[in-house]
Amino acid sequence: MDKNCYVEPMNKDSNADQIRNGENALLRILGMGCENCATRVRNGLLSLEGVYAAEVYLNMAMAEVSFDNQKVSAKMLVEAVARAGNDGRHEYRAELVAA
């Protein structure tokens, strides 16, 4: 593991009803190279107010997101992924696969 690349995983308190009743989106994520990248992308998604849960699968280059569609749009999810890599070393891109 590259110590310079490490990022602390973010935790978010969402209840099961929020996650179950939220909108779901499936995103294709481009640019991830390691588990730290997946954590960085997940943190970027969770940082949005209205995102209840996010799971990022490095091996499939996908992310599943549960969110409140009154507060978050698919466009905002894609933008959050791009911002997650905005550190000069990482560049991520997302495409909505299903909503």
PDB file of N, CA and C in Angstrom:
ATOM      1  N   MET A   1       0.830  -1.176   0.000  1.00  0.00           N
ATOM      2  CA  MET A   1       0.000   0.000   0.000  1.00  0.00           C
ATOM      3  C   MET A   1       0.878   1.244   0.000  1.00  0.00           C
ATOM      4  N   ASP A   2       0.564   2.159  -0.858  1.00  0.00           N
ATOM      5  CA  ASP A   2       1.281   3.422  -0.945  1.00  0.00           C
ATOM      6  C   ASP A   2       0.823   4.336   0.183  1.00  0.00           C
ATOM      7  N   LYS A   3       1.688   4.603   1.150  1.00  0.00           N
ATOM      8  CA  LYS A   3       1.319   5.431   2.296  1.00  0.00           C
ATOM      9  C   LYS A   3       0.939   6.843   1.864  1.00  0.00           C
ATOM     10  N   ASN A   4       1.525   7.338   0.784  1.00  0.00           N
ATOM     11  CA  ASN A   4       1.206   8.674   0.300  1.00  0.00           C
ATOM     12  C   ASN A   4      -0.176   8.747  -0.323  1.00  0.00           C
ATOM     13  N   CYS A   5      -0.745   7.602  -0.629  1.00  0.00           N
ATOM     14  CA  CYS A   5      -2.031   7.532  -1.295  1.00  0.00           C
ATOM     15  C   CYS A   5      -3.163   7.231  -0.310  1.00  0.00           C
ATOM     16  N   TYR A   6      -2.830   6.863   0.933  1.00  0.00           N
ATOM     17  CA  TYR A   6      -3.836   6.433   1.897  1.00  0.00           C
ATOM     18  C   TYR A   6      -4.835   7.544   2.206  1.00  0.00           C
ATOM     19  N   VAL A   7      -6.074   7.156   2.326  1.00  0.00           N
ATOM     20  CA  VAL A   7      -7.134   8.082   2.717  1.00  0.00           C
ATOM     21  C   VAL A   7      -8.014   7.371   3.748  1.00  0.00           C
ATOM     22  N   GLU A   8      -8.389   8.084   4.791  1.00  0.00           N
ATOM     23  CA  GLU A   8      -9.216   7.520   5.860  1.00  0.00           C
ATOM     24  C   GLU A   8     -10.660   7.366   5.369  1.00  0.00           C
ATOM     25  N   PRO A   9     -11.251   6.181   5.540  1.00  0.00           N
ATOM     26  CA  PRO A   9     -12.640   5.991   5.103  1.00  0.00           C
ATOM     27  C   PRO A   9     -13.608   6.846   5.919  1.00  0.00           C
ATOM     28  N   MET A  10     -14.553   7.453   5.233  1.00  0.00           N
ATOM     29  CA  MET A  10     -15.574   8.282   5.870  1.00  0.00           C
ATOM     30  C   MET A  10     -16.733   7.391   6.309  1.00  0.00           C
ATOM     31  N   ASN A  11     -17.296   7.688   7.458  1.00  0.00           N
ATOM     32  CA  ASN A  11     -18.491   6.995   7.922  1.00  0.00           C
ATOM     33  C   ASN A  11     -19.652   7.976   7.916  1.00  0.00           C
ATOM     34  N   LYS A  12     -20.828   7.465   7.610  1.00  0.00           N
ATOM     35  CA  LYS A  12     -22.012   8.312   7.571  1.00  0.00           C
ATOM     36  C   LYS A  12     -23.133   7.574   8.281  1.00  0.00           C
ATOM     37  N   ASP A  13     -23.823   8.271   9.158  1.00  0.00           N
ATOM     38  CA  ASP A  13     -24.928   7.672   9.891  1.00  0.00           C
ATOM     39  C   ASP A  13     -26.216   7.834   9.099  1.00  0.00           C
ATOM     40  N   SER A  14     -26.628   6.773   8.459  1.00  0.00           N
ATOM     41  CA  SER A  14     -27.905   6.734   7.757  1.00  0.00           C
ATOM     42  C   SER A  14     -28.647   5.529   8.284  1.00  0.00           C
ATOM     43  N   ASN A  15     -29.955   5.660   8.411  1.00  0.00           N
ATOM     44  CA  ASN A  15     -30.695   4.514   8.919  1.00  0.00           C
ATOM     45  C   ASN A  15     -31.174   3.619   7.776  1.00  0.00           C
ATOM     46  N   ALA A  16     -31.566   2.422   8.130  1.00  0.00           N
ATOM     47  CA  ALA A  16     -31.952   1.419   7.127  1.00  0.00           C
ATOM     48  C   ALA A  16     -33.139   1.886   6.287  1.00  0.00           C
ATOM     49  N   ASP A  17     -34.081   2.617   6.891  1.00  0.00           N
ATOM     50  CA  ASP A  17     -35.239   3.110   6.128  1.00  0.00           C
ATOM     51  C   ASP A  17     -34.811   4.112   5.059  1.00  0.00           C
ATOM     52  N   GLN A  18     -33.891   5.003   5.406  1.00  0.00           N
ATOM     53  CA  GLN A  18     -33.400   5.967   4.417  1.00  0.00           C
ATOM     54  C   GLN A  18     -32.765   5.235   3.239  1.00  0.00           C
ATOM     55  N   ILE A  19     -31.929   4.269   3.535  1.00  0.00           N
ATOM     56  CA  ILE A  19     -31.233   3.535   2.479  1.00  0.00           C
ATOM     57  C   ILE A  19     -32.232   2.742   1.633  1.00  0.00           C
ATOM     58  N   ARG A  20     -33.169   2.067   2.300  1.00  0.00           N
ATOM     59  CA  ARG A  20     -34.157   1.238   1.599  1.00  0.00           C
ATOM     60  C   ARG A  20     -35.100   2.091   0.737  1.00  0.00           C
ATOM     61  N   ASN A  21     -35.494   3.258   1.243  1.00  0.00           N
ATOM     62  CA  ASN A  21     -36.460   4.098   0.538  1.00  0.00           C
ATOM     63  C   ASN A  21     -35.823   5.121  -0.389  1.00  0.00           C
ATOM     64  N   GLY A  22     -34.512   5.223  -0.361  1.00  0.00           N
ATOM     65  CA  GLY A  22     -33.830   6.199  -1.208  1.00  0.00           C
ATOM     66  C   GLY A  22     -33.780   5.764  -2.665  1.00  0.00           C
ATOM     67  N   GLU A  23     -33.475   6.711  -3.523  1.00  0.00           N
ATOM     68  CA  GLU A  23     -33.213   6.400  -4.925  1.00  0.00           C
ATOM     69  C   GLU A  23     -31.887   5.653  -4.987  1.00  0.00           C
ATOM     70  N   ASN A  24     -31.732   4.831  -5.991  1.00  0.00           N
ATOM     71  CA  ASN A  24     -30.475   4.112  -6.171  1.00  0.00           C
ATOM     72  C   ASN A  24     -29.905   4.430  -7.537  1.00  0.00           C
ATOM     73  N   ALA A  25     -28.601   4.559  -7.582  1.00  0.00           N
ATOM     74  CA  ALA A  25     -27.911   4.790  -8.848  1.00  0.00           C
ATOM     75  C   ALA A  25     -26.723   3.847  -8.936  1.00  0.00           C
ATOM     76  N   LEU A  26     -26.447   3.426 -10.135  1.00  0.00           N
ATOM     77  CA  LEU A  26     -25.270   2.607 -10.420  1.00  0.00           C
ATOM     78  C   LEU A  26     -24.374   3.437 -11.333  1.00  0.00           C
ATOM     79  N   LEU A  27     -23.145   3.632 -10.897  1.00  0.00           N
ATOM     80  CA  LEU A  27     -22.184   4.443 -11.651  1.00  0.00           C
ATOM     81  C   LEU A  27     -21.019   3.583 -12.100  1.00  0.00           C
ATOM     82  N   ARG A  28     -20.568   3.824 -13.317  1.00  0.00           N
ATOM     83  CA  ARG A  28     -19.308   3.243 -13.791  1.00  0.00           C
ATOM     84  C   ARG A  28     -18.227   4.250 -13.452  1.00  0.00           C
ATOM     85  N   ILE A  29     -17.168   3.783 -12.787  1.00  0.00           N
ATOM     86  CA  ILE A  29     -16.096   4.672 -12.339  1.00  0.00           C
ATOM     87  C   ILE A  29     -14.825   4.365 -13.118  1.00  0.00           C
ATOM     88  N   LEU A  30     -14.247   5.378 -13.713  1.00  0.00           N
ATOM     89  CA  LEU A  30     -13.003   5.232 -14.464  1.00  0.00           C
ATOM     90  C   LEU A  30     -11.876   5.927 -13.715  1.00  0.00           C
ATOM     91  N   GLY A  31     -10.692   5.327 -13.726  1.00  0.00           N
ATOM     92  CA  GLY A  31      -9.509   5.957 -13.162  1.00  0.00           C
ATOM     93  C   GLY A  31      -9.041   5.398 -11.834  1.00  0.00           C
ATOM     94  N   MET A  32      -9.795   4.475 -11.238  1.00  0.00           N
ATOM     95  CA  MET A  32      -9.374   3.905  -9.955  1.00  0.00           C
ATOM     96  C   MET A  32      -8.296   2.853 -10.180  1.00  0.00           C
ATOM     97  N   GLY A  33      -7.238   2.900  -9.341  1.00  0.00           N
ATOM     98  CA  GLY A  33      -6.160   1.937  -9.493  1.00  0.00           C
ATOM     99  C   GLY A  33      -5.911   1.061  -8.283  1.00  0.00           C
ATOM    100  N   CYS A  34      -6.498   1.439  -7.121  1.00  0.00           N
ATOM    101  CA  CYS A  34      -6.257   0.665  -5.908  1.00  0.00           C
ATOM    102  C   CYS A  34      -7.409   0.884  -4.937  1.00  0.00           C
ATOM    103  N   GLU A  35      -7.354   0.165  -3.807  1.00  0.00           N
ATOM    104  CA  GLU A  35      -8.412   0.306  -2.791  1.00  0.00           C
ATOM    105  C   GLU A  35      -8.493   1.735  -2.245  1.00  0.00           C
ATOM    106  N   ASN A  36      -7.365   2.428  -2.170  1.00  0.00           N
ATOM    107  CA  ASN A  36      -7.394   3.813  -1.702  1.00  0.00           C
ATOM    108  C   ASN A  36      -8.188   4.694  -2.651  1.00  0.00           C
ATOM    109  N   CYS A  37      -8.073   4.420  -3.945  1.00  0.00           N
ATOM    110  CA  CYS A  37      -8.870   5.161  -4.929  1.00  0.00           C
ATOM    111  C   CYS A  37     -10.354   4.917  -4.687  1.00  0.00           C
ATOM    112  N   ALA A  38     -10.721   3.651  -4.457  1.00  0.00           N
ATOM    113  CA  ALA A  38     -12.119   3.314  -4.201  1.00  0.00           C
ATOM    114  C   ALA A  38     -12.618   4.032  -2.948  1.00  0.00           C
ATOM    115  N   THR A  39     -11.789   4.106  -1.913  1.00  0.00           N
ATOM    116  CA  THR A  39     -12.164   4.815  -0.690  1.00  0.00           C
ATOM    117  C   THR A  39     -12.326   6.301  -0.960  1.00  0.00           C
ATOM    118  N   ARG A  40     -11.434   6.861  -1.744  1.00  0.00           N
ATOM    119  CA  ARG A  40     -11.500   8.285  -2.082  1.00  0.00           C
ATOM    120  C   ARG A  40     -12.807   8.593  -2.829  1.00  0.00           C
ATOM    121  N   VAL A  41     -13.171   7.736  -3.785  1.00  0.00           N
ATOM    122  CA  VAL A  41     -14.417   7.921  -4.538  1.00  0.00           C
ATOM    123  C   VAL A  41     -15.616   7.782  -3.600  1.00  0.00           C
ATOM    124  N   ARG A  42     -15.610   6.760  -2.739  1.00  0.00           N
ATOM    125  CA  ARG A  42     -16.708   6.551  -1.782  1.00  0.00           C
ATOM    126  C   ARG A  42     -16.863   7.764  -0.870  1.00  0.00           C
ATOM    127  N   ASN A  43     -15.748   8.272  -0.346  1.00  0.00           N
ATOM    128  CA  ASN A  43     -15.798   9.453   0.513  1.00  0.00           C
ATOM    129  C   ASN A  43     -16.390  10.649  -0.233  1.00  0.00           C
ATOM    130  N   GLY A  44     -16.010  10.806  -1.489  1.00  0.00           N
ATOM    131  CA  GLY A  44     -16.539  11.913  -2.283  1.00  0.00           C
ATOM    132  C   GLY A  44     -18.049  11.830  -2.439  1.00  0.00           C
ATOM    133  N   LEU A  45     -18.552  10.631  -2.665  1.00  0.00           N
ATOM    134  CA  LEU A  45     -19.999  10.435  -2.781  1.00  0.00           C
ATOM    135  C   LEU A  45     -20.691  10.679  -1.441  1.00  0.00           C
ATOM    136  N   LEU A  46     -20.139  10.120  -0.370  1.00  0.00           N
ATOM    137  CA  LEU A  46     -20.748  10.283   0.953  1.00  0.00           C
ATOM    138  C   LEU A  46     -20.710  11.724   1.454  1.00  0.00           C
ATOM    139  N   SER A  47     -19.810  12.531   0.921  1.00  0.00           N
ATOM    140  CA  SER A  47     -19.710  13.916   1.379  1.00  0.00           C
ATOM    141  C   SER A  47     -20.896  14.765   0.936  1.00  0.00           C
ATOM    142  N   LEU A  48     -21.675  14.269  -0.030  1.00  0.00           N
ATOM    143  CA  LEU A  48     -22.847  15.010  -0.484  1.00  0.00           C
ATOM    144  C   LEU A  48     -23.986  14.874   0.518  1.00  0.00           C
ATOM    145  N   GLU A  49     -24.572  16.007   0.897  1.00  0.00           N
ATOM    146  CA  GLU A  49     -25.746  15.962   1.755  1.00  0.00           C
ATOM    147  C   GLU A  49     -26.880  15.333   0.953  1.00  0.00           C
ATOM    148  N   GLY A  50     -27.481  14.305   1.499  1.00  0.00           N
ATOM    149  CA  GLY A  50     -28.547  13.605   0.790  1.00  0.00           C
ATOM    150  C   GLY A  50     -28.128  12.245   0.274  1.00  0.00           C
ATOM    151  N   VAL A  51     -26.824  11.946   0.316  1.00  0.00           N
ATOM    152  CA  VAL A  51     -26.366  10.590  -0.015  1.00  0.00           C
ATOM    153  C   VAL A  51     -26.397   9.788   1.274  1.00  0.00           C
ATOM    154  N   TYR A  52     -27.141   8.684   1.255  1.00  0.00           N
ATOM    155  CA  TYR A  52     -27.289   7.845   2.449  1.00  0.00           C
ATOM    156  C   TYR A  52     -26.202   6.793   2.552  1.00  0.00           C
ATOM    157  N   ALA A  53     -25.850   6.190   1.419  1.00  0.00           N
ATOM    158  CA  ALA A  53     -24.862   5.108   1.427  1.00  0.00           C
ATOM    159  C   ALA A  53     -24.194   5.039   0.062  1.00  0.00           C
ATOM    160  N   ALA A  54     -22.951   4.578   0.057  1.00  0.00           N
ATOM    161  CA  ALA A  54     -22.217   4.388  -1.196  1.00  0.00           C
ATOM    162  C   ALA A  54     -21.279   3.205  -1.025  1.00  0.00           C
ATOM    163  N   GLU A  55     -21.301   2.322  -1.976  1.00  0.00           N
ATOM    164  CA  GLU A  55     -20.377   1.194  -2.021  1.00  0.00           C
ATOM    165  C   GLU A  55     -19.638   1.264  -3.353  1.00  0.00           C
ATOM    166  N   VAL A  56     -18.331   1.197  -3.296  1.00  0.00           N
ATOM    167  CA  VAL A  56     -17.512   1.280  -4.503  1.00  0.00           C
ATOM    168  C   VAL A  56     -16.786  -0.051  -4.672  1.00  0.00           C
ATOM    169  N   TYR A  57     -16.908  -0.618  -5.856  1.00  0.00           N
ATOM    170  CA  TYR A  57     -16.319  -1.920  -6.161  1.00  0.00           C
ATOM    171  C   TYR A  57     -15.172  -1.732  -7.157  1.00  0.00           C
ATOM    172  N   LEU A  58     -13.963  -1.739  -6.631  1.00  0.00           N
ATOM    173  CA  LEU A  58     -12.773  -1.522  -7.453  1.00  0.00           C
ATOM    174  C   LEU A  58     -12.684  -2.539  -8.586  1.00  0.00           C
ATOM    175  N   ASN A  59     -12.899  -3.823  -8.262  1.00  0.00           N
ATOM    176  CA  ASN A  59     -12.722  -4.885  -9.264  1.00  0.00           C
ATOM    177  C   ASN A  59     -13.726  -4.802 -10.409  1.00  0.00           C
ATOM    178  N   MET A  60     -14.868  -4.150 -10.188  1.00  0.00           N
ATOM    179  CA  MET A  60     -15.876  -4.001 -11.246  1.00  0.00           C
ATOM    180  C   MET A  60     -15.926  -2.577 -11.796  1.00  0.00           C
ATOM    181  N   ALA A  61     -15.160  -1.660 -11.195  1.00  0.00           N
ATOM    182  CA  ALA A  61     -15.159  -0.244 -11.576  1.00  0.00           C
ATOM    183  C   ALA A  61     -16.572   0.336 -11.527  1.00  0.00           C
ATOM    184  N   MET A  62     -17.293  -0.003 -10.436  1.00  0.00           N
ATOM    185  CA  MET A  62     -18.668   0.434 -10.282  1.00  0.00           C
ATOM    186  C   MET A  62     -18.892   0.984  -8.880  1.00  0.00           C
ATOM    187  N   ALA A  63     -19.946   1.789  -8.758  1.00  0.00           N
ATOM    188  CA  ALA A  63     -20.378   2.281  -7.450  1.00  0.00           C
ATOM    189  C   ALA A  63     -21.896   2.208  -7.386  1.00  0.00           C
ATOM    190  N   GLU A  64     -22.401   1.780  -6.241  1.00  0.00           N
ATOM    191  CA  GLU A  64     -23.830   1.792  -5.960  1.00  0.00           C
ATOM    192  C   GLU A  64     -24.071   2.886  -4.934  1.00  0.00           C
ATOM    193  N   VAL A  65     -25.065   3.731  -5.190  1.00  0.00           N
ATOM    194  CA  VAL A  65     -25.330   4.867  -4.314  1.00  0.00           C
ATOM    195  C   VAL A  65     -26.812   4.918  -3.975  1.00  0.00           C
ATOM    196  N   SER A  66     -27.117   5.121  -2.701  1.00  0.00           N
ATOM    197  CA  SER A  66     -28.481   5.344  -2.235  1.00  0.00           C
ATOM    198  C   SER A  66     -28.563   6.807  -1.811  1.00  0.00           C
ATOM    199  N   PHE A  67     -29.586   7.524  -2.300  1.00  0.00           N
ATOM    200  CA  PHE A  67     -29.641   8.962  -2.046  1.00  0.00           C
ATOM    201  C   PHE A  67     -31.065   9.495  -2.079  1.00  0.00           C
ATOM    202  N   ASP A  68     -31.219  10.719  -1.591  1.00  0.00           N
ATOM    203  CA  ASP A  68     -32.486  11.453  -1.620  1.00  0.00           C
ATOM    204  C   ASP A  68     -32.492  12.274  -2.906  1.00  0.00           C
ATOM    205  N   ASN A  69     -33.409  11.937  -3.821  1.00  0.00           N
ATOM    206  CA  ASN A  69     -33.406  12.629  -5.112  1.00  0.00           C
ATOM    207  C   ASN A  69     -33.978  14.043  -5.025  1.00  0.00           C
ATOM    208  N   GLN A  70     -34.436  14.457  -3.857  1.00  0.00           N
ATOM    209  CA  GLN A  70     -34.848  15.853  -3.654  1.00  0.00           C
ATOM    210  C   GLN A  70     -33.632  16.732  -3.349  1.00  0.00           C
ATOM    211  N   LYS A  71     -32.536  16.094  -2.925  1.00  0.00           N
ATOM    212  CA  LYS A  71     -31.323  16.839  -2.552  1.00  0.00           C
ATOM    213  C   LYS A  71     -30.152  16.595  -3.494  1.00  0.00           C
ATOM    214  N   VAL A  72     -30.159  15.444  -4.160  1.00  0.00           N
ATOM    215  CA  VAL A  72     -29.009  15.033  -4.975  1.00  0.00           C
ATOM    216  C   VAL A  72     -29.497  14.559  -6.340  1.00  0.00           C
ATOM    217  N   SER A  73     -28.802  14.984  -7.375  1.00  0.00           N
ATOM    218  CA  SER A  73     -29.108  14.524  -8.735  1.00  0.00           C
ATOM    219  C   SER A  73     -27.990  13.600  -9.218  1.00  0.00           C
ATOM    220  N   ALA A  74     -28.267  12.874 -10.279  1.00  0.00           N
ATOM    221  CA  ALA A  74     -27.237  12.022 -10.876  1.00  0.00           C
ATOM    222  C   ALA A  74     -26.040  12.860 -11.299  1.00  0.00           C
ATOM    223  N   LYS A  75     -26.295  14.047 -11.805  1.00  0.00           N
ATOM    224  CA  LYS A  75     -25.202  14.944 -12.223  1.00  0.00           C
ATOM    225  C   LYS A  75     -24.305  15.290 -11.030  1.00  0.00           C
ATOM    226  N   MET A  76     -24.911  15.512  -9.874  1.00  0.00           N
ATOM    227  CA  MET A  76     -24.132  15.826  -8.674  1.00  0.00           C
ATOM    228  C   MET A  76     -23.270  14.637  -8.249  1.00  0.00           C
ATOM    229  N   LEU A  77     -23.780  13.413  -8.425  1.00  0.00           N
ATOM    230  CA  LEU A  77     -22.986  12.224  -8.103  1.00  0.00           C
ATOM    231  C   LEU A  77     -21.760  12.141  -9.003  1.00  0.00           C
ATOM    232  N   VAL A  78     -21.968  12.365 -10.299  1.00  0.00           N
ATOM    233  CA  VAL A  78     -20.863  12.326 -11.274  1.00  0.00           C
ATOM    234  C   VAL A  78     -19.827  13.398 -10.934  1.00  0.00           C
ATOM    235  N   GLU A  79     -20.286  14.589 -10.585  1.00  0.00           N
ATOM    236  CA  GLU A  79     -19.371  15.677 -10.232  1.00  0.00           C
ATOM    237  C   GLU A  79     -18.598  15.369  -8.946  1.00  0.00           C
ATOM    238  N   ALA A  80     -19.253  14.717  -7.978  1.00  0.00           N
ATOM    239  CA  ALA A  80     -18.573  14.361  -6.722  1.00  0.00           C
ATOM    240  C   ALA A  80     -17.440  13.372  -6.975  1.00  0.00           C
ATOM    241  N   VAL A  81     -17.650  12.447  -7.895  1.00  0.00           N
ATOM    242  CA  VAL A  81     -16.588  11.485  -8.247  1.00  0.00           C
ATOM    243  C   VAL A  81     -15.401  12.229  -8.850  1.00  0.00           C
ATOM    244  N   ALA A  82     -15.665  13.147  -9.754  1.00  0.00           N
ATOM    245  CA  ALA A  82     -14.581  13.920 -10.382  1.00  0.00           C
ATOM    246  C   ALA A  82     -13.819  14.734  -9.333  1.00  0.00           C
ATOM    247  N   ARG A  83     -14.536  15.355  -8.397  1.00  0.00           N
ATOM    248  CA  ARG A  83     -13.875  16.145  -7.340  1.00  0.00           C
ATOM    249  C   ARG A  83     -13.042  15.266  -6.424  1.00  0.00           C
ATOM    250  N   ALA A  84     -13.438  14.013  -6.235  1.00  0.00           N
ATOM    251  CA  ALA A  84     -12.709  13.102  -5.341  1.00  0.00           C
ATOM    252  C   ALA A  84     -11.270  12.890  -5.801  1.00  0.00           C
ATOM    253  N   GLY A  85     -11.018  13.043  -7.074  1.00  0.00           N
ATOM    254  CA  GLY A  85      -9.676  12.845  -7.597  1.00  0.00           C
ATOM    255  C   GLY A  85      -8.939  14.131  -7.882  1.00  0.00           C
ATOM    256  N   ASN A  86      -9.477  15.217  -7.445  1.00  0.00           N
ATOM    257  CA  ASN A  86      -8.914  16.524  -7.781  1.00  0.00           C
ATOM    258  C   ASN A  86      -7.775  16.893  -6.836  1.00  0.00           C
ATOM    259  N   ASP A  87      -6.706  16.062  -6.846  1.00  0.00           N
ATOM    260  CA  ASP A  87      -5.571  16.337  -5.968  1.00  0.00           C
ATOM    261  C   ASP A  87      -4.248  16.404  -6.726  1.00  0.00           C
ATOM    262  N   GLY A  88      -4.318  16.422  -8.037  1.00  0.00           N
ATOM    263  CA  GLY A  88      -3.101  16.502  -8.831  1.00  0.00           C
ATOM    264  C   GLY A  88      -2.473  15.149  -9.138  1.00  0.00           C
ATOM    265  N   ARG A  89      -2.882  14.101  -8.407  1.00  0.00           N
ATOM    266  CA  ARG A  89      -2.334  12.757  -8.634  1.00  0.00           C
ATOM    267  C   ARG A  89      -3.375  11.785  -9.169  1.00  0.00           C
ATOM    268  N   HIS A  90      -4.642  12.040  -8.858  1.00  0.00           N
ATOM    269  CA  HIS A  90      -5.716  11.117  -9.209  1.00  0.00           C
ATOM    270  C   HIS A  90      -6.747  11.829 -10.063  1.00  0.00           C
ATOM    271  N   GLU A  91      -7.294  11.109 -11.012  1.00  0.00           N
ATOM    272  CA  GLU A  91      -8.350  11.661 -11.858  1.00  0.00           C
ATOM    273  C   GLU A  91      -9.392  10.573 -12.068  1.00  0.00           C
ATOM    274  N   TYR A  92     -10.607  10.851 -11.602  1.00  0.00           N
ATOM    275  CA  TYR A  92     -11.688   9.880 -11.718  1.00  0.00           C
ATOM    276  C   TYR A  92     -12.796  10.467 -12.582  1.00  0.00           C
ATOM    277  N   ARG A  93     -13.511   9.569 -13.236  1.00  0.00           N
ATOM    278  CA  ARG A  93     -14.656   9.962 -14.050  1.00  0.00           C
ATOM    279  C   ARG A  93     -15.775   8.961 -13.785  1.00  0.00           C
ATOM    280  N   ALA A  94     -16.993   9.434 -13.775  1.00  0.00           N
ATOM    281  CA  ALA A  94     -18.132   8.547 -13.554  1.00  0.00           C
ATOM    282  C   ALA A  94     -19.145   8.716 -14.668  1.00  0.00           C
ATOM    283  N   GLU A  95     -19.830   7.622 -14.953  1.00  0.00           N
ATOM    284  CA  GLU A  95     -20.928   7.626 -15.919  1.00  0.00           C
ATOM    285  C   GLU A  95     -22.105   6.919 -15.272  1.00  0.00           C
ATOM    286  N   LEU A  96     -23.289   7.509 -15.371  1.00  0.00           N
ATOM    287  CA  LEU A  96     -24.484   6.881 -14.832  1.00  0.00           C
ATOM    288  C   LEU A  96     -24.841   5.688 -15.707  1.00  0.00           C
ATOM    289  N   VAL A  97     -24.968   4.512 -15.077  1.00  0.00           N
ATOM    290  CA  VAL A  97     -25.335   3.290 -15.791  1.00  0.00           C
ATOM    291  C   VAL A  97     -26.814   3.012 -15.624  1.00  0.00           C
ATOM    292  N   ALA A  98     -27.318   3.174 -14.399  1.00  0.00           N
ATOM    293  CA  ALA A  98     -28.733   2.940 -14.111  1.00  0.00           C
ATOM    294  C   ALA A  98     -29.147   3.781 -12.927  1.00  0.00           C
ATOM    295  N   ALA A  99     -30.395   4.208 -12.976  1.00  0.00           N
ATOM    296  CA  ALA A  99     -30.946   4.992 -11.856  1.00  0.00           C
ATOM    297  C   ALA A  99     -32.306   4.449 -11.484  1.00  0.00           C
TER     298      ALA A  99
END
